[in-house]
Amino acid sequence: MTKHTLPENIASTPVELQALSKSKAQLVASLGQSKRRRKLGLFLCEGHKCVSDLLQWGQRFEVEFLVATSDYIGAHREALERSGCEVYVVTASEMSRISALSTPSEVLAVVRMDRSAAVQDAEQPLPKGLYLLLDGVQDPGNLGTIIRTAHWFGIKKIFASHDTVDIYNPKTVQSTMGSLGAVSVRYTDLQTLVERNPGLPLVGLQLDGQDIFQAQLPREGALICMGSEGHGLSEPIKTRLSLSLTIPAADAADHPESLNVAIATAITLAQFCK
């Protein structure tokens, strides 16, 4: 591949820099589509923090290559050298054409999906502990925020129904703010997971549940299930609940229809982890 003509401020960077070819640009742009991500086993990670944090999780994620502007490369010479990644330099306008974000960053990474994500944990009983279940969560931003929140509260495993949004959606990855590598997300049949773990009570949020601030919460472990933004928990999950909880509004006569699922998850985990 032809070497890129580099600006003076990065010409001495000890990283092999190349111009982004048309085929590589098309590859990056195509990863905004779920089918292409799954077919290629690749996803996009965009933004300074997301890329730098993801590079720390090399045991789970392998970075194929980086694409960055000359300004970013000039400011991160040492980090790029340590990464050992192939780096392609682009202009800001070139980045805007391939980015999946409405406001492109100065750097993006093309990353291999976590191979261990294909393991079906629902096949084996889980050890005691807190686990987060997502039942049909649809918004990629909400999913990313939930992953970040789980990381904050030390929840290492999330189990998602098959109709939950793709964790490798660019907006999801962006919303995790680097926590994607710290929390394992598995797509599986939630009913099977619950049935194979009778020793872990299934807890879910519903409008007619017990006040979460007054209820006696299980402390040795639980499966905490959050429902979809529009429909809440699915019927098969509702029928298996050991404990139904609600987050009460300050004014029972004057409140919105529901809380955002990511906010509700944060409040719930805070109560269980206090």
C-alpha atoms as a PDB file:
ATOM      1  CA  MET A   1       0.000   0.000   0.000  1.00  0.00           C
ATOM      2  CA  THR A   2       1.204   3.515  -0.743  1.00  0.00           C
ATOM      3  CA  LYS A   3       2.634   5.462   2.191  1.00  0.00           C
ATOM      4  CA  HIS A   4       0.733   8.539   3.263  1.00  0.00           C
ATOM      5  CA  THR A   5       2.323  11.969   2.933  1.00  0.00           C
ATOM      6  CA  LEU A   6       2.526  12.912   6.590  1.00  0.00           C
ATOM      7  CA  PRO A   7       2.358  16.349   8.188  1.00  0.00           C
ATOM      8  CA  GLU A   8       5.593  17.466   9.854  1.00  0.00           C
ATOM      9  CA  ASN A   9       4.235  17.029  13.381  1.00  0.00           C
ATOM     10  CA  ILE A  10       3.824  13.262  12.947  1.00  0.00           C
ATOM     11  CA  ALA A  11       6.464  12.416  10.344  1.00  0.00           C
ATOM     12  CA  SER A  12       8.757  11.046  13.069  1.00  0.00           C
ATOM     13  CA  THR A  13       6.099   8.922  14.739  1.00  0.00           C
ATOM     14  CA  PRO A  14       7.593   5.421  15.272  1.00  0.00           C
ATOM     15  CA  VAL A  15       4.377   3.814  13.966  1.00  0.00           C
ATOM     16  CA  GLU A  16       3.941   2.625  10.406  1.00  0.00           C
ATOM     17  CA  LEU A  17       1.285   4.946   8.999  1.00  0.00           C
ATOM     18  CA  GLN A  18      -0.611   4.332   5.788  1.00  0.00           C
ATOM     19  CA  ALA A  19      -3.288   6.009   3.761  1.00  0.00           C
ATOM     20  CA  LEU A  20      -6.728   4.450   4.059  1.00  0.00           C
ATOM     21  CA  SER A  21      -7.498   2.528   0.886  1.00  0.00           C
ATOM     22  CA  LYS A  22     -10.916   2.570  -0.751  1.00  0.00           C
ATOM     23  CA  SER A  23     -11.547  -1.053   0.243  1.00  0.00           C
ATOM     24  CA  LYS A  24     -10.628  -0.373   3.886  1.00  0.00           C
ATOM     25  CA  ALA A  25     -12.861   2.726   3.921  1.00  0.00           C
ATOM     26  CA  GLN A  26     -15.758   0.663   2.552  1.00  0.00           C
ATOM     27  CA  LEU A  27     -15.133  -1.988   5.217  1.00  0.00           C
ATOM     28  CA  VAL A  28     -15.259   0.591   8.016  1.00  0.00           C
ATOM     29  CA  ALA A  29     -18.405   2.230   6.656  1.00  0.00           C
ATOM     30  CA  SER A  30     -20.159  -1.139   6.283  1.00  0.00           C
ATOM     31  CA  LEU A  31     -19.771  -1.964   9.983  1.00  0.00           C
ATOM     32  CA  GLY A  32     -22.648   0.362  10.780  1.00  0.00           C
ATOM     33  CA  GLN A  33     -24.848  -2.507   9.558  1.00  0.00           C
ATOM     34  CA  SER A  34     -25.617  -5.390  11.917  1.00  0.00           C
ATOM     35  CA  LYS A  35     -25.516  -8.054   9.181  1.00  0.00           C
ATOM     36  CA  ARG A  36     -22.060  -6.968   8.067  1.00  0.00           C
ATOM     37  CA  ARG A  37     -20.758  -6.933  11.644  1.00  0.00           C
ATOM     38  CA  ARG A  38     -21.987 -10.455  12.244  1.00  0.00           C
ATOM     39  CA  LYS A  39     -20.725 -11.759   8.917  1.00  0.00           C
ATOM     40  CA  LEU A  40     -17.234 -10.327   9.397  1.00  0.00           C
ATOM     41  CA  GLY A  41     -17.018 -10.720  13.171  1.00  0.00           C
ATOM     42  CA  LEU A  42     -15.919  -7.090  13.444  1.00  0.00           C
ATOM     43  CA  PHE A  43     -17.278  -3.937  15.054  1.00  0.00           C
ATOM     44  CA  LEU A  44     -16.425  -0.238  15.355  1.00  0.00           C
ATOM     45  CA  CYS A  45     -15.183   1.533  18.444  1.00  0.00           C
ATOM     46  CA  GLU A  46     -15.079   5.321  18.089  1.00  0.00           C
ATOM     47  CA  GLY A  47     -13.796   8.117  20.299  1.00  0.00           C
ATOM     48  CA  HIS A  48     -10.705   8.833  22.388  1.00  0.00           C
ATOM     49  CA  LYS A  49     -11.886   7.166  25.613  1.00  0.00           C
ATOM     50  CA  CYS A  50     -13.581   4.173  24.001  1.00  0.00           C
ATOM     51  CA  VAL A  51     -10.529   3.332  21.914  1.00  0.00           C
ATOM     52  CA  SER A  52      -7.973   3.855  24.692  1.00  0.00           C
ATOM     53  CA  ASP A  53      -9.988   1.813  27.201  1.00  0.00           C
ATOM     54  CA  LEU A  54     -10.726  -0.976  24.741  1.00  0.00           C
ATOM     55  CA  LEU A  55      -7.017  -1.370  24.011  1.00  0.00           C
ATOM     56  CA  GLN A  56      -6.610  -2.365  27.658  1.00  0.00           C
ATOM     57  CA  TRP A  57      -8.876  -5.395  27.171  1.00  0.00           C
ATOM     58  CA  GLY A  58      -6.741  -7.197  24.613  1.00  0.00           C
ATOM     59  CA  GLN A  59      -7.443 -10.560  26.257  1.00  0.00           C
ATOM     60  CA  ARG A  60     -11.063 -10.296  25.079  1.00  0.00           C
ATOM     61  CA  PHE A  61     -10.881  -7.972  22.094  1.00  0.00           C
ATOM     62  CA  GLU A  62      -8.334  -7.915  19.300  1.00  0.00           C
ATOM     63  CA  VAL A  63      -7.934  -4.597  17.478  1.00  0.00           C
ATOM     64  CA  GLU A  64      -7.551  -5.168  13.744  1.00  0.00           C
ATOM     65  CA  PHE A  65      -6.470  -1.620  12.899  1.00  0.00           C
ATOM     66  CA  LEU A  66      -6.908   2.027  13.874  1.00  0.00           C
ATOM     67  CA  VAL A  67      -7.985   4.983  11.745  1.00  0.00           C
ATOM     68  CA  ALA A  68      -7.061   8.436  13.028  1.00  0.00           C
ATOM     69  CA  THR A  69      -6.481  12.033  12.026  1.00  0.00           C
ATOM     70  CA  SER A  70      -2.985  13.496  12.016  1.00  0.00           C
ATOM     71  CA  ASP A  71      -3.827  15.619  15.078  1.00  0.00           C
ATOM     72  CA  TYR A  72      -4.750  12.530  17.075  1.00  0.00           C
ATOM     73  CA  ILE A  73      -1.670  10.628  15.940  1.00  0.00           C
ATOM     74  CA  GLY A  74       0.602  13.540  16.791  1.00  0.00           C
ATOM     75  CA  ALA A  75      -0.835  13.755  20.313  1.00  0.00           C
ATOM     76  CA  HIS A  76      -0.766   9.983  21.011  1.00  0.00           C
ATOM     77  CA  ARG A  77       2.528   8.822  19.510  1.00  0.00           C
ATOM     78  CA  GLU A  78       3.670   6.743  22.481  1.00  0.00           C
ATOM     79  CA  ALA A  79       0.301   5.062  23.031  1.00  0.00           C
ATOM     80  CA  LEU A  80       0.063   4.120  19.358  1.00  0.00           C
ATOM     81  CA  GLU A  81       3.564   2.678  19.420  1.00  0.00           C
ATOM     82  CA  ARG A  82       2.727   0.572  22.492  1.00  0.00           C
ATOM     83  CA  SER A  83      -0.474  -0.712  20.902  1.00  0.00           C
ATOM     84  CA  GLY A  84       1.392  -2.308  18.016  1.00  0.00           C
ATOM     85  CA  CYS A  85      -1.679  -1.723  15.847  1.00  0.00           C
ATOM     86  CA  GLU A  86      -1.718  -0.944  12.161  1.00  0.00           C
ATOM     87  CA  VAL A  87      -2.645   2.745  11.841  1.00  0.00           C
ATOM     88  CA  TYR A  88      -4.270   4.528   8.904  1.00  0.00           C
ATOM     89  CA  VAL A  89      -4.173   8.310   8.777  1.00  0.00           C
ATOM     90  CA  VAL A  90      -7.134  10.259   7.383  1.00  0.00           C
ATOM     91  CA  THR A  91      -8.339  13.827   7.148  1.00  0.00           C
ATOM     92  CA  ALA A  92     -11.300  15.049   9.187  1.00  0.00           C
ATOM     93  CA  SER A  93     -13.496  15.010   6.076  1.00  0.00           C
ATOM     94  CA  GLU A  94     -12.476  11.425   5.299  1.00  0.00           C
ATOM     95  CA  MET A  95     -13.300  10.420   8.862  1.00  0.00           C
ATOM     96  CA  SER A  96     -16.763  11.971   8.609  1.00  0.00           C
ATOM     97  CA  ARG A  97     -17.504   9.822   5.528  1.00  0.00           C
ATOM     98  CA  ILE A  98     -16.712   6.522   7.240  1.00  0.00           C
ATOM     99  CA  SER A  99     -17.850   7.249  10.807  1.00  0.00           C
ATOM    100  CA  ALA A 100     -21.080   5.730  12.124  1.00  0.00           C
ATOM    101  CA  LEU A 101     -21.540   8.707  14.462  1.00  0.00           C
ATOM    102  CA  SER A 102     -23.299  11.982  13.701  1.00  0.00           C
ATOM    103  CA  THR A 103     -20.331  13.813  15.218  1.00  0.00           C
ATOM    104  CA  PRO A 104     -17.196  11.877  14.216  1.00  0.00           C
ATOM    105  CA  SER A 105     -14.253  11.593  16.572  1.00  0.00           C
ATOM    106  CA  GLU A 106     -10.570  11.808  15.629  1.00  0.00           C
ATOM    107  CA  VAL A 107     -10.000   8.078  16.040  1.00  0.00           C
ATOM    108  CA  LEU A 108     -11.797   4.790  15.504  1.00  0.00           C
ATOM    109  CA  ALA A 109     -10.808   1.170  15.846  1.00  0.00           C
ATOM    110  CA  VAL A 110     -11.952  -1.873  13.906  1.00  0.00           C
ATOM    111  CA  VAL A 111     -12.160  -4.652  16.486  1.00  0.00           C
ATOM    112  CA  ARG A 112     -12.725  -8.407  16.513  1.00  0.00           C
ATOM    113  CA  MET A 113     -15.829  -9.493  18.417  1.00  0.00           C
ATOM    114  CA  ASP A 114     -15.383 -11.328  21.703  1.00  0.00           C
ATOM    115  CA  ARG A 115     -15.123 -14.977  20.710  1.00  0.00           C
ATOM    116  CA  SER A 116     -16.241 -16.157  24.142  1.00  0.00           C
ATOM    117  CA  ALA A 117     -19.578 -14.371  23.640  1.00  0.00           C
ATOM    118  CA  ALA A 118     -20.847 -17.420  21.743  1.00  0.00           C
ATOM    119  CA  VAL A 119     -20.671 -19.556  24.905  1.00  0.00           C
ATOM    120  CA  GLN A 120     -24.154 -20.379  26.180  1.00  0.00           C
ATOM    121  CA  ASP A 121     -23.884 -19.765  29.935  1.00  0.00           C
ATOM    122  CA  ALA A 122     -27.536 -20.752  30.294  1.00  0.00           C
ATOM    123  CA  GLU A 123     -26.423 -24.369  29.939  1.00  0.00           C
ATOM    124  CA  GLN A 124     -24.690 -24.370  33.336  1.00  0.00           C
ATOM    125  CA  PRO A 125     -25.917 -23.289  36.807  1.00  0.00           C
ATOM    126  CA  LEU A 126     -24.498 -19.953  37.920  1.00  0.00           C
ATOM    127  CA  PRO A 127     -22.595 -19.456  41.190  1.00  0.00           C
ATOM    128  CA  LYS A 128     -24.182 -17.237  43.836  1.00  0.00           C
ATOM    129  CA  GLY A 129     -24.011 -13.552  42.968  1.00  0.00           C
ATOM    130  CA  LEU A 130     -25.847 -10.707  41.282  1.00  0.00           C
ATOM    131  CA  TYR A 131     -26.590 -11.006  37.577  1.00  0.00           C
ATOM    132  CA  LEU A 132     -28.351  -8.560  35.300  1.00  0.00           C
ATOM    133  CA  LEU A 133     -30.907  -9.814  32.750  1.00  0.00           C
ATOM    134  CA  LEU A 134     -32.167  -7.634  29.886  1.00  0.00           C
ATOM    135  CA  ASP A 135     -35.542  -8.592  28.464  1.00  0.00           C
ATOM    136  CA  GLY A 136     -35.952  -6.957  25.051  1.00  0.00           C
ATOM    137  CA  VAL A 137     -34.116  -3.651  25.633  1.00  0.00           C
ATOM    138  CA  GLN A 138     -34.210  -1.902  22.262  1.00  0.00           C
ATOM    139  CA  ASP A 139     -32.370   1.405  22.469  1.00  0.00           C
ATOM    140  CA  PRO A 140     -28.609   1.124  21.792  1.00  0.00           C
ATOM    141  CA  GLY A 141     -27.828   4.127  23.970  1.00  0.00           C
ATOM    142  CA  ASN A 142     -29.710   2.598  26.886  1.00  0.00           C
ATOM    143  CA  LEU A 143     -27.872  -0.698  26.484  1.00  0.00           C
ATOM    144  CA  GLY A 144     -24.492   1.035  26.456  1.00  0.00           C
ATOM    145  CA  THR A 145     -25.375   3.043  29.557  1.00  0.00           C
ATOM    146  CA  ILE A 146     -26.576  -0.128  31.325  1.00  0.00           C
ATOM    147  CA  ILE A 147     -23.257  -1.857  30.564  1.00  0.00           C
ATOM    148  CA  ARG A 148     -21.362   1.144  31.937  1.00  0.00           C
ATOM    149  CA  THR A 149     -23.587   1.188  35.046  1.00  0.00           C
ATOM    150  CA  ALA A 150     -23.096  -2.551  35.616  1.00  0.00           C
ATOM    151  CA  HIS A 151     -19.330  -2.000  35.476  1.00  0.00           C
ATOM    152  CA  TRP A 152     -19.648   0.737  38.120  1.00  0.00           C
ATOM    153  CA  PHE A 153     -21.506  -1.565  40.504  1.00  0.00           C
ATOM    154  CA  GLY A 154     -19.241  -4.548  39.888  1.00  0.00           C
ATOM    155  CA  ILE A 155     -21.733  -6.627  37.873  1.00  0.00           C
ATOM    156  CA  LYS A 156     -19.536  -8.696  35.568  1.00  0.00           C
ATOM    157  CA  LYS A 157     -22.166 -10.666  33.645  1.00  0.00           C
ATOM    158  CA  ILE A 158     -25.243  -9.513  31.748  1.00  0.00           C
ATOM    159  CA  PHE A 159     -27.603 -11.960  30.044  1.00  0.00           C
ATOM    160  CA  ALA A 160     -29.717 -10.520  27.238  1.00  0.00           C
ATOM    161  CA  SER A 161     -32.712 -11.950  25.413  1.00  0.00           C
ATOM    162  CA  HIS A 162     -32.235 -12.551  21.702  1.00  0.00           C
ATOM    163  CA  ASP A 163     -34.483  -9.591  20.872  1.00  0.00           C
ATOM    164  CA  THR A 164     -32.290  -7.161  22.827  1.00  0.00           C
ATOM    165  CA  VAL A 165     -30.376  -4.670  20.688  1.00  0.00           C
ATOM    166  CA  ASP A 166     -26.904  -5.650  19.414  1.00  0.00           C
ATOM    167  CA  ILE A 167     -24.101  -4.779  21.858  1.00  0.00           C
ATOM    168  CA  TYR A 168     -21.867  -4.021  18.874  1.00  0.00           C
ATOM    169  CA  ASN A 169     -24.156  -1.330  17.515  1.00  0.00           C
ATOM    170  CA  PRO A 170     -21.847   1.742  17.215  1.00  0.00           C
ATOM    171  CA  LYS A 171     -24.118   3.796  19.480  1.00  0.00           C
ATOM    172  CA  THR A 172     -24.058   1.064  22.117  1.00  0.00           C
ATOM    173  CA  VAL A 173     -20.270   0.799  22.015  1.00  0.00           C
ATOM    174  CA  GLN A 174     -19.964   4.588  22.237  1.00  0.00           C
ATOM    175  CA  SER A 175     -22.362   4.732  25.214  1.00  0.00           C
ATOM    176  CA  THR A 176     -20.380   2.149  27.203  1.00  0.00           C
ATOM    177  CA  MET A 177     -17.545   4.707  27.408  1.00  0.00           C
ATOM    178  CA  GLY A 178     -14.949   1.919  27.455  1.00  0.00           C
ATOM    179  CA  SER A 179     -16.766  -0.497  29.811  1.00  0.00           C
ATOM    180  CA  LEU A 180     -17.514  -3.009  27.047  1.00  0.00           C
ATOM    181  CA  GLY A 181     -14.333  -4.902  27.852  1.00  0.00           C
ATOM    182  CA  ALA A 182     -15.103  -5.103  31.572  1.00  0.00           C
ATOM    183  CA  VAL A 183     -18.599  -6.623  31.395  1.00  0.00           C
ATOM    184  CA  SER A 184     -19.508  -9.877  29.669  1.00  0.00           C
ATOM    185  CA  VAL A 185     -22.780  -9.744  27.699  1.00  0.00           C
ATOM    186  CA  ARG A 186     -24.361 -13.039  26.576  1.00  0.00           C
ATOM    187  CA  TYR A 187     -27.432 -13.422  24.359  1.00  0.00           C
ATOM    188  CA  THR A 188     -29.446 -16.409  25.461  1.00  0.00           C
ATOM    189  CA  ASP A 189     -32.935 -17.715  26.245  1.00  0.00           C
ATOM    190  CA  LEU A 190     -33.808 -16.039  29.544  1.00  0.00           C
ATOM    191  CA  GLN A 191     -36.480 -18.597  30.468  1.00  0.00           C
ATOM    192  CA  THR A 192     -33.931 -21.401  30.233  1.00  0.00           C
ATOM    193  CA  LEU A 193     -31.453 -19.393  32.279  1.00  0.00           C
ATOM    194  CA  VAL A 194     -34.019 -18.825  35.043  1.00  0.00           C
ATOM    195  CA  GLU A 195     -35.173 -22.459  35.085  1.00  0.00           C
ATOM    196  CA  ARG A 196     -31.610 -23.746  35.419  1.00  0.00           C
ATOM    197  CA  ASN A 197     -30.899 -21.487  38.371  1.00  0.00           C
ATOM    198  CA  PRO A 198     -33.662 -22.141  40.939  1.00  0.00           C
ATOM    199  CA  GLY A 199     -31.287 -21.081  43.721  1.00  0.00           C
ATOM    200  CA  LEU A 200     -31.186 -17.523  42.392  1.00  0.00           C
ATOM    201  CA  PRO A 201     -34.428 -15.564  42.886  1.00  0.00           C
ATOM    202  CA  LEU A 202     -35.693 -13.733  39.815  1.00  0.00           C
ATOM    203  CA  VAL A 203     -36.368 -10.067  40.578  1.00  0.00           C
ATOM    204  CA  GLY A 204     -38.110  -7.702  38.173  1.00  0.00           C
ATOM    205  CA  LEU A 205     -39.452  -4.168  38.107  1.00  0.00           C
ATOM    206  CA  GLN A 206     -43.187  -3.604  37.571  1.00  0.00           C
ATOM    207  CA  LEU A 207     -45.475  -0.681  38.356  1.00  0.00           C
ATOM    208  CA  ASP A 208     -47.461  -2.737  40.894  1.00  0.00           C
ATOM    209  CA  GLY A 209     -44.405  -4.182  42.658  1.00  0.00           C
ATOM    210  CA  GLN A 210     -43.172  -3.616  46.196  1.00  0.00           C
ATOM    211  CA  ASP A 211     -41.417  -0.349  47.000  1.00  0.00           C
ATOM    212  CA  ILE A 212     -37.750  -1.064  46.271  1.00  0.00           C
ATOM    213  CA  PHE A 213     -36.683   1.228  49.119  1.00  0.00           C
ATOM    214  CA  GLN A 214     -38.800  -0.698  51.658  1.00  0.00           C
ATOM    215  CA  ALA A 215     -38.644  -4.297  50.368  1.00  0.00           C
ATOM    216  CA  GLN A 216     -36.421  -7.000  51.829  1.00  0.00           C
ATOM    217  CA  LEU A 217     -33.939  -7.669  49.024  1.00  0.00           C
ATOM    218  CA  PRO A 218     -32.108 -10.981  48.553  1.00  0.00           C
ATOM    219  CA  ARG A 219     -28.465 -10.503  49.554  1.00  0.00           C
ATOM    220  CA  GLU A 220     -26.844 -13.809  48.617  1.00  0.00           C
ATOM    221  CA  GLY A 221     -27.569 -13.456  44.927  1.00  0.00           C
ATOM    222  CA  ALA A 222     -30.314 -12.779  42.401  1.00  0.00           C
ATOM    223  CA  LEU A 223     -31.185 -12.504  38.746  1.00  0.00           C
ATOM    224  CA  ILE A 224     -32.247  -8.873  38.296  1.00  0.00           C
ATOM    225  CA  CYS A 225     -34.329  -8.483  35.138  1.00  0.00           C
ATOM    226  CA  MET A 226     -35.053  -5.192  33.360  1.00  0.00           C
ATOM    227  CA  GLY A 227     -37.730  -5.057  30.670  1.00  0.00           C
ATOM    228  CA  SER A 228     -38.031  -3.284  27.346  1.00  0.00           C
ATOM    229  CA  GLU A 229     -38.615   0.457  27.151  1.00  0.00           C
ATOM    230  CA  GLY A 230     -42.069   0.157  25.580  1.00  0.00           C
ATOM    231  CA  HIS A 231     -43.527  -3.050  26.997  1.00  0.00           C
ATOM    232  CA  GLY A 232     -41.715  -3.840  30.222  1.00  0.00           C
ATOM    233  CA  LEU A 233     -41.093  -7.467  31.143  1.00  0.00           C
ATOM    234  CA  SER A 234     -42.291 -10.210  28.814  1.00  0.00           C
ATOM    235  CA  GLU A 235     -45.096 -12.484  30.050  1.00  0.00           C
ATOM    236  CA  PRO A 236     -42.880 -15.604  30.427  1.00  0.00           C
ATOM    237  CA  ILE A 237     -40.554 -13.627  32.707  1.00  0.00           C
ATOM    238  CA  LYS A 238     -43.402 -12.066  34.702  1.00  0.00           C
ATOM    239  CA  THR A 239     -44.809 -15.507  35.548  1.00  0.00           C
ATOM    240  CA  ARG A 240     -41.432 -16.624  36.942  1.00  0.00           C
ATOM    241  CA  LEU A 241     -40.733 -13.640  39.202  1.00  0.00           C
ATOM    242  CA  SER A 242     -39.815 -14.387  42.806  1.00  0.00           C
ATOM    243  CA  LEU A 243     -39.995 -10.722  43.731  1.00  0.00           C
ATOM    244  CA  SER A 244     -41.654  -7.811  41.940  1.00  0.00           C
ATOM    245  CA  LEU A 245     -40.373  -4.324  42.750  1.00  0.00           C
ATOM    246  CA  THR A 246     -41.205  -0.761  41.785  1.00  0.00           C
ATOM    247  CA  ILE A 247     -39.383   2.556  42.065  1.00  0.00           C
ATOM    248  CA  PRO A 248     -42.063   4.850  43.532  1.00  0.00           C
ATOM    249  CA  ALA A 249     -42.590   8.345  42.200  1.00  0.00           C
ATOM    250  CA  ALA A 250     -42.376  11.235  44.658  1.00  0.00           C
ATOM    251  CA  ASP A 251     -45.932  12.247  43.760  1.00  0.00           C
ATOM    252  CA  ALA A 252     -48.293   9.339  43.058  1.00  0.00           C
ATOM    253  CA  ALA A 253     -50.696  11.684  41.244  1.00  0.00           C
ATOM    254  CA  ASP A 254     -48.165  13.537  39.104  1.00  0.00           C
ATOM    255  CA  HIS A 255     -45.364  11.624  37.374  1.00  0.00           C
ATOM    256  CA  PRO A 256     -44.329  10.426  33.901  1.00  0.00           C
ATOM    257  CA  GLU A 257     -45.549   7.073  32.632  1.00  0.00           C
ATOM    258  CA  SER A 258     -42.256   5.341  33.363  1.00  0.00           C
ATOM    259  CA  LEU A 259     -38.559   5.779  34.101  1.00  0.00           C
ATOM    260  CA  ASN A 260     -35.893   5.369  31.449  1.00  0.00           C
ATOM    261  CA  VAL A 261     -34.677   1.756  31.657  1.00  0.00           C
ATOM    262  CA  ALA A 262     -31.031   2.754  32.100  1.00  0.00           C
ATOM    263  CA  ILE A 263     -31.939   5.088  34.977  1.00  0.00           C
ATOM    264  CA  ALA A 264     -34.131   2.412  36.547  1.00  0.00           C
ATOM    265  CA  THR A 265     -31.256  -0.080  36.278  1.00  0.00           C
ATOM    266  CA  ALA A 266     -28.897   2.316  38.059  1.00  0.00           C
ATOM    267  CA  ILE A 267     -31.349   2.882  40.937  1.00  0.00           C
ATOM    268  CA  THR A 268     -32.023  -0.857  41.246  1.00  0.00           C
ATOM    269  CA  LEU A 269     -28.341  -1.849  41.290  1.00  0.00           C
ATOM    270  CA  ALA A 270     -27.597   0.891  43.820  1.00  0.00           C
ATOM    271  CA  GLN A 271     -30.187  -0.635  46.175  1.00  0.00           C
ATOM    272  CA  PHE A 272     -28.891  -4.176  45.750  1.00  0.00           C
ATOM    273  CA  CYS A 273     -25.240  -3.198  46.115  1.00  0.00           C
ATOM    274  CA  LYS A 274     -25.450  -0.780  49.045  1.00  0.00           C
END
